[in-house]
Amino acid sequence: MTSKKNDPVVNAAALSKKYKCDVKKIIQSWKKEKNDLEISQALGIDMLKILQIRQEISYLHEKERHRHLKKSRTGNFTITHKTW
């Protein structure tokens, strides 16, 4: 599965507006392999809010994955019925 840079699954601007914090910085920190506690202390964001953001991003990725799988499976079914 290839990832397109032009079509992100996560709309960071919308999440930033929803959670009133910079979600791009949080995502970049995760990519730098910082844990949630370090991010919370560095950015001054509540741990609960970081956990909610992580959960929502995971949900969006899982939803996109299922959509992609469903789309790829719809045209590839061949039913063979053998009577013995």
Protein backbone atom coordinates (compact mmCIF):
# COMPACT_ATOMS: atom_id res chain seq x y z
CA MET A 1 0.00 0.00 0.00
CA THR A 2 1.46 3.35 -0.99
CA SER A 3 0.98 6.52 0.97
CA LYS A 4 0.17 9.72 -0.88
CA LYS A 5 1.67 12.89 0.58
CA ASN A 6 -0.88 15.08 -1.23
CA ASP A 7 -3.91 13.30 0.24
CA PRO A 8 -3.39 12.95 4.00
CA VAL A 9 -5.78 10.85 6.03
CA VAL A 10 -5.50 13.19 9.01
CA ASN A 11 -6.58 16.81 8.65
CA ALA A 12 -4.18 18.40 11.14
CA ALA A 13 -5.77 21.84 10.79
CA ALA A 14 -9.23 20.53 11.71
CA LEU A 15 -7.84 18.56 14.66
CA SER A 16 -5.87 21.61 15.82
CA LYS A 17 -9.04 23.66 15.77
CA LYS A 18 -10.99 20.93 17.59
CA TYR A 19 -8.44 20.35 20.35
CA LYS A 20 -7.08 23.93 20.45
CA CYS A 21 -3.44 22.89 20.17
CA ASP A 22 -0.85 22.37 17.44
CA VAL A 23 -1.47 18.81 16.24
CA LYS A 24 1.33 19.05 13.66
CA LYS A 25 3.86 19.51 16.46
CA ILE A 26 2.44 16.53 18.31
CA ILE A 27 2.63 14.33 15.19
CA GLN A 28 6.20 15.47 14.52
CA SER A 29 7.12 14.63 18.11
CA TRP A 30 5.65 11.14 17.72
CA LYS A 31 7.70 10.70 14.55
CA LYS A 32 10.80 11.66 16.56
CA GLU A 33 9.82 8.80 18.90
CA LYS A 34 8.96 10.95 21.91
CA ASN A 35 6.43 9.49 24.30
CA ASP A 36 3.21 11.18 25.38
CA LEU A 37 4.58 12.34 28.74
CA GLU A 38 7.55 14.09 27.10
CA ILE A 39 5.24 15.77 24.59
CA SER A 40 2.86 16.83 27.35
CA GLN A 41 5.65 18.42 29.35
CA ALA A 42 7.38 20.03 26.35
CA LEU A 43 4.26 21.56 24.81
CA GLY A 44 2.27 22.14 28.00
CA ILE A 45 -0.67 20.04 26.84
CA ASP A 46 -2.77 17.87 29.13
CA MET A 47 -2.05 14.12 28.84
CA LEU A 48 -5.74 13.35 28.36
CA LYS A 49 -5.87 15.65 25.34
CA ILE A 50 -2.80 13.96 23.81
CA LEU A 51 -4.35 10.55 24.36
CA GLN A 52 -7.60 11.70 22.73
CA ILE A 53 -5.67 13.04 19.72
CA ARG A 54 -3.75 9.77 19.41
CA GLN A 55 -6.98 7.78 19.61
CA GLU A 56 -8.72 9.91 16.97
CA ILE A 57 -5.76 9.70 14.58
CA SER A 58 -5.64 5.92 15.04
CA TYR A 59 -9.37 5.74 14.34
CA LEU A 60 -8.99 7.81 11.15
CA HIS A 61 -6.16 5.61 9.89
CA GLU A 62 -8.09 2.43 10.67
CA LYS A 63 -11.19 3.81 8.94
CA GLU A 64 -9.13 4.67 5.85
CA ARG A 65 -7.51 1.22 5.88
CA HIS A 66 -10.91 -0.51 5.98
CA ARG A 67 -12.22 1.74 3.21
CA HIS A 68 -9.20 0.90 1.06
CA LEU A 69 -9.57 -2.84 1.72
CA LYS A 70 -13.27 -2.76 0.95
CA LYS A 71 -12.64 -0.88 -2.29
CA SER A 72 -9.95 -3.31 -3.40
CA ARG A 73 -12.08 -6.38 -2.64
CA THR A 74 -15.29 -5.36 -4.44
CA GLY A 75 -14.17 -6.04 -8.02
CA ASN A 76 -11.98 -9.07 -7.41
CA PHE A 77 -14.52 -11.68 -6.39
CA THR A 78 -14.95 -14.70 -8.59
CA ILE A 79 -17.43 -17.24 -7.45
CA THR A 80 -16.81 -20.76 -8.61
CA HIS A 81 -19.40 -23.31 -7.81
CA LYS A 82 -18.48 -26.90 -8.34
CA THR A 83 -21.06 -29.59 -8.06
CA TRP A 84 -19.55 -32.96 -7.28
